[in-house]
Amino acid sequence: MVLGDATKVQGDATKVQGDATKVQGDAIKVQGDATKVQGDATKVQGDATKVQGDATKVQGDATKVQGDATKVQVKRLVCTP
């Protein structure tokens, strides 16, 4: 009878250990999912930064074109008798 009880206790302990391992595995999966979400967010932020950089470049190009047009206009004013 004592041996049977000890075997049952050992079986219960093994089940508890298995449950703890499953909980640990679930926690690792959640952590992995969170890392993936963070990676995706970082990529989105990087893409947004690139778009912002492209917009700044376009704005700079437009400013250069405007400056060139102003130069042409000044030359015309200077050359006009």
N, C-alpha and C. Protein backbone atom coordinates (compact mmCIF):
# COMPACT_ATOMS: atom_id res chain seq x y z
N MET A 1 0.83 -1.21 0.00
CA MET A 1 0.00 0.00 0.00
C MET A 1 0.86 1.26 0.00
N VAL A 2 1.93 1.24 0.82
CA VAL A 2 2.82 2.40 0.90
C VAL A 2 3.52 2.59 -0.44
N LEU A 3 3.94 1.49 -1.07
CA LEU A 3 4.61 1.57 -2.36
C LEU A 3 3.67 2.15 -3.42
N GLY A 4 2.42 1.76 -3.40
CA GLY A 4 1.42 2.30 -4.32
C GLY A 4 1.22 3.79 -4.11
N ASP A 5 1.17 4.23 -2.86
CA ASP A 5 1.01 5.65 -2.55
C ASP A 5 2.22 6.44 -3.04
N ALA A 6 3.41 5.89 -2.84
CA ALA A 6 4.65 6.56 -3.27
C ALA A 6 4.67 6.69 -4.79
N THR A 7 4.23 5.65 -5.48
CA THR A 7 4.18 5.68 -6.94
C THR A 7 3.19 6.74 -7.41
N LYS A 8 2.05 6.85 -6.73
CA LYS A 8 1.04 7.86 -7.09
C LYS A 8 1.60 9.27 -6.87
N VAL A 9 2.27 9.48 -5.73
CA VAL A 9 2.87 10.79 -5.43
C VAL A 9 3.91 11.12 -6.49
N GLN A 10 4.72 10.12 -6.87
CA GLN A 10 5.74 10.33 -7.90
C GLN A 10 5.09 10.68 -9.23
N GLY A 11 4.00 10.00 -9.56
CA GLY A 11 3.25 10.29 -10.79
C GLY A 11 2.67 11.70 -10.77
N ASP A 12 2.12 12.10 -9.62
CA ASP A 12 1.58 13.45 -9.49
C ASP A 12 2.69 14.49 -9.66
N ALA A 13 3.85 14.22 -9.06
CA ALA A 13 4.98 15.15 -9.16
C ALA A 13 5.45 15.26 -10.62
N THR A 14 5.46 14.15 -11.32
CA THR A 14 5.84 14.14 -12.74
C THR A 14 4.85 14.97 -13.55
N LYS A 15 3.55 14.85 -13.24
CA LYS A 15 2.52 15.63 -13.94
C LYS A 15 2.71 17.12 -13.67
N VAL A 16 2.97 17.47 -12.41
CA VAL A 16 3.20 18.88 -12.05
C VAL A 16 4.42 19.41 -12.80
N GLN A 17 5.48 18.59 -12.86
CA GLN A 17 6.69 18.99 -13.58
C GLN A 17 6.39 19.18 -15.07
N GLY A 18 5.58 18.29 -15.63
CA GLY A 18 5.17 18.41 -17.04
C GLY A 18 4.36 19.67 -17.28
N ASP A 19 3.45 19.97 -16.35
CA ASP A 19 2.65 21.20 -16.47
C ASP A 19 3.55 22.43 -16.41
N ALA A 20 4.53 22.42 -15.51
CA ALA A 20 5.46 23.54 -15.37
C ALA A 20 6.28 23.72 -16.65
N THR A 21 6.69 22.62 -17.25
CA THR A 21 7.44 22.66 -18.51
C THR A 21 6.58 23.26 -19.61
N LYS A 22 5.28 22.90 -19.65
CA LYS A 22 4.36 23.44 -20.65
C LYS A 22 4.19 24.95 -20.44
N VAL A 23 4.02 25.36 -19.19
CA VAL A 23 3.88 26.79 -18.88
C VAL A 23 5.14 27.54 -19.33
N GLN A 24 6.31 26.96 -19.06
CA GLN A 24 7.58 27.57 -19.46
C GLN A 24 7.66 27.66 -20.98
N GLY A 25 7.23 26.61 -21.66
CA GLY A 25 7.21 26.62 -23.14
C GLY A 25 6.28 27.68 -23.68
N ASP A 26 5.10 27.82 -23.05
CA ASP A 26 4.15 28.86 -23.47
C ASP A 26 4.75 30.25 -23.27
N ALA A 27 5.44 30.44 -22.14
CA ALA A 27 6.07 31.74 -21.85
C ALA A 27 7.15 32.05 -22.89
N ILE A 28 7.92 31.06 -23.28
CA ILE A 28 8.96 31.24 -24.31
C ILE A 28 8.31 31.62 -25.63
N LYS A 29 7.18 30.97 -25.97
CA LYS A 29 6.46 31.29 -27.21
C LYS A 29 5.94 32.73 -27.18
N VAL A 30 5.36 33.12 -26.05
CA VAL A 30 4.85 34.50 -25.91
C VAL A 30 6.00 35.49 -26.07
N GLN A 31 7.15 35.19 -25.45
CA GLN A 31 8.32 36.05 -25.55
C GLN A 31 8.80 36.13 -27.00
N GLY A 32 8.78 35.00 -27.69
CA GLY A 32 9.16 34.97 -29.11
C GLY A 32 8.21 35.80 -29.96
N ASP A 33 6.91 35.68 -29.68
CA ASP A 33 5.91 36.47 -30.41
C ASP A 33 6.13 37.96 -30.16
N ALA A 34 6.40 38.32 -28.90
CA ALA A 34 6.63 39.72 -28.54
C ALA A 34 7.87 40.25 -29.26
N THR A 35 8.91 39.44 -29.34
CA THR A 35 10.14 39.83 -30.05
C THR A 35 9.84 40.05 -31.52
N LYS A 36 9.00 39.18 -32.13
CA LYS A 36 8.63 39.33 -33.54
C LYS A 36 7.84 40.62 -33.74
N VAL A 37 6.89 40.88 -32.86
CA VAL A 37 6.09 42.12 -32.95
C VAL A 37 7.01 43.33 -32.85
N GLN A 38 7.97 43.29 -31.91
CA GLN A 38 8.91 44.39 -31.73
C GLN A 38 9.77 44.56 -32.99
N GLY A 39 10.18 43.43 -33.58
CA GLY A 39 10.95 43.48 -34.83
C GLY A 39 10.14 44.10 -35.96
N ASP A 40 8.87 43.70 -36.06
CA ASP A 40 7.99 44.27 -37.09
C ASP A 40 7.82 45.77 -36.88
N ALA A 41 7.64 46.18 -35.62
CA ALA A 41 7.47 47.60 -35.31
C ALA A 41 8.73 48.38 -35.67
N THR A 42 9.89 47.80 -35.39
CA THR A 42 11.16 48.45 -35.74
C THR A 42 11.27 48.60 -37.25
N LYS A 43 10.83 47.58 -38.01
CA LYS A 43 10.87 47.64 -39.48
C LYS A 43 9.94 48.74 -39.98
N VAL A 44 8.74 48.80 -39.42
CA VAL A 44 7.78 49.84 -39.81
C VAL A 44 8.36 51.22 -39.52
N GLN A 45 9.00 51.36 -38.35
CA GLN A 45 9.62 52.64 -37.98
C GLN A 45 10.75 52.97 -38.96
N GLY A 46 11.53 51.96 -39.33
CA GLY A 46 12.60 52.17 -40.31
C GLY A 46 12.05 52.60 -41.67
N ASP A 47 10.96 51.95 -42.08
CA ASP A 47 10.32 52.32 -43.36
C ASP A 47 9.81 53.76 -43.30
N ALA A 48 9.20 54.13 -42.18
CA ALA A 48 8.68 55.50 -42.01
C ALA A 48 9.82 56.51 -42.06
N THR A 49 10.94 56.17 -41.43
CA THR A 49 12.12 57.05 -41.45
C THR A 49 12.63 57.21 -42.88
N LYS A 50 12.62 56.11 -43.66
CA LYS A 50 13.07 56.17 -45.05
C LYS A 50 12.13 57.07 -45.87
N VAL A 51 10.83 56.90 -45.67
CA VAL A 51 9.85 57.73 -46.38
C VAL A 51 10.07 59.20 -46.02
N GLN A 52 10.31 59.47 -44.74
CA GLN A 52 10.56 60.84 -44.28
C GLN A 52 11.84 61.38 -44.93
N GLY A 53 12.86 60.53 -45.01
CA GLY A 53 14.11 60.93 -45.66
C GLY A 53 13.91 61.23 -47.14
N ASP A 54 13.12 60.38 -47.80
CA ASP A 54 12.81 60.61 -49.23
C ASP A 54 12.07 61.94 -49.41
N ALA A 55 11.10 62.20 -48.52
CA ALA A 55 10.32 63.45 -48.60
C ALA A 55 11.24 64.66 -48.39
N THR A 56 12.18 64.53 -47.46
CA THR A 56 13.14 65.62 -47.21
C THR A 56 13.99 65.85 -48.45
N LYS A 57 14.41 64.76 -49.13
CA LYS A 57 15.21 64.88 -50.35
C LYS A 57 14.39 65.58 -51.44
N VAL A 58 13.14 65.18 -51.60
CA VAL A 58 12.26 65.82 -52.60
C VAL A 58 12.12 67.31 -52.28
N GLN A 59 11.95 67.62 -51.01
CA GLN A 59 11.82 69.02 -50.59
C GLN A 59 13.11 69.78 -50.90
N GLY A 60 14.25 69.14 -50.65
CA GLY A 60 15.54 69.76 -50.96
C GLY A 60 15.71 69.99 -52.45
N ASP A 61 15.29 69.00 -53.25
CA ASP A 61 15.37 69.15 -54.71
C ASP A 61 14.48 70.32 -55.17
N ALA A 62 13.29 70.42 -54.61
CA ALA A 62 12.36 71.50 -54.97
C ALA A 62 12.96 72.86 -54.60
N THR A 63 13.60 72.92 -53.45
CA THR A 63 14.25 74.17 -53.02
C THR A 63 15.37 74.54 -53.99
N LYS A 64 16.13 73.53 -54.46
CA LYS A 64 17.21 73.77 -55.42
C LYS A 64 16.63 74.30 -56.74
N VAL A 65 15.55 73.69 -57.21
CA VAL A 65 14.90 74.13 -58.45
C VAL A 65 14.42 75.57 -58.29
N GLN A 66 13.84 75.87 -57.14
CA GLN A 66 13.35 77.22 -56.86
C GLN A 66 14.53 78.21 -56.84
N GLY A 67 15.63 77.80 -56.25
CA GLY A 67 16.83 78.65 -56.22
C GLY A 67 17.37 78.89 -57.61
N ASP A 68 17.40 77.83 -58.44
CA ASP A 68 17.87 77.98 -59.83
C ASP A 68 16.96 78.95 -60.60
N ALA A 69 15.66 78.83 -60.40
CA ALA A 69 14.69 79.71 -61.07
C ALA A 69 14.90 81.16 -60.64
N THR A 70 15.19 81.35 -59.37
CA THR A 70 15.46 82.71 -58.86
C THR A 70 16.71 83.27 -59.51
N LYS A 71 17.76 82.43 -59.67
CA LYS A 71 18.99 82.87 -60.33
C LYS A 71 18.70 83.34 -61.75
N VAL A 72 17.92 82.54 -62.49
CA VAL A 72 17.58 82.88 -63.87
C VAL A 72 16.82 84.21 -63.90
N GLN A 73 15.90 84.38 -62.97
CA GLN A 73 15.10 85.60 -62.91
C GLN A 73 16.00 86.81 -62.61
N VAL A 74 16.95 86.65 -61.72
CA VAL A 74 17.86 87.74 -61.38
C VAL A 74 18.72 88.10 -62.59
N LYS A 75 19.21 87.08 -63.31
CA LYS A 75 20.02 87.32 -64.52
C LYS A 75 19.20 88.11 -65.54
N ARG A 76 17.95 87.77 -65.70
CA ARG A 76 17.08 88.48 -66.65
C ARG A 76 16.92 89.94 -66.25
N LEU A 77 16.73 90.16 -64.95
CA LEU A 77 16.56 91.53 -64.46
C LEU A 77 17.83 92.35 -64.68
N VAL A 78 18.99 91.71 -64.43
CA VAL A 78 20.27 92.40 -64.59
C VAL A 78 20.55 92.67 -66.06
N CYS A 79 20.23 91.74 -66.93
CA CYS A 79 20.51 91.87 -68.37
C CYS A 79 19.51 92.75 -69.10
N THR A 80 18.36 93.00 -68.53
CA THR A 80 17.33 93.80 -69.20
C THR A 80 17.75 95.27 -69.19
N PRO A 81 17.76 95.90 -70.39
CA PRO A 81 18.19 97.31 -70.45
C PRO A 81 17.14 98.25 -69.85
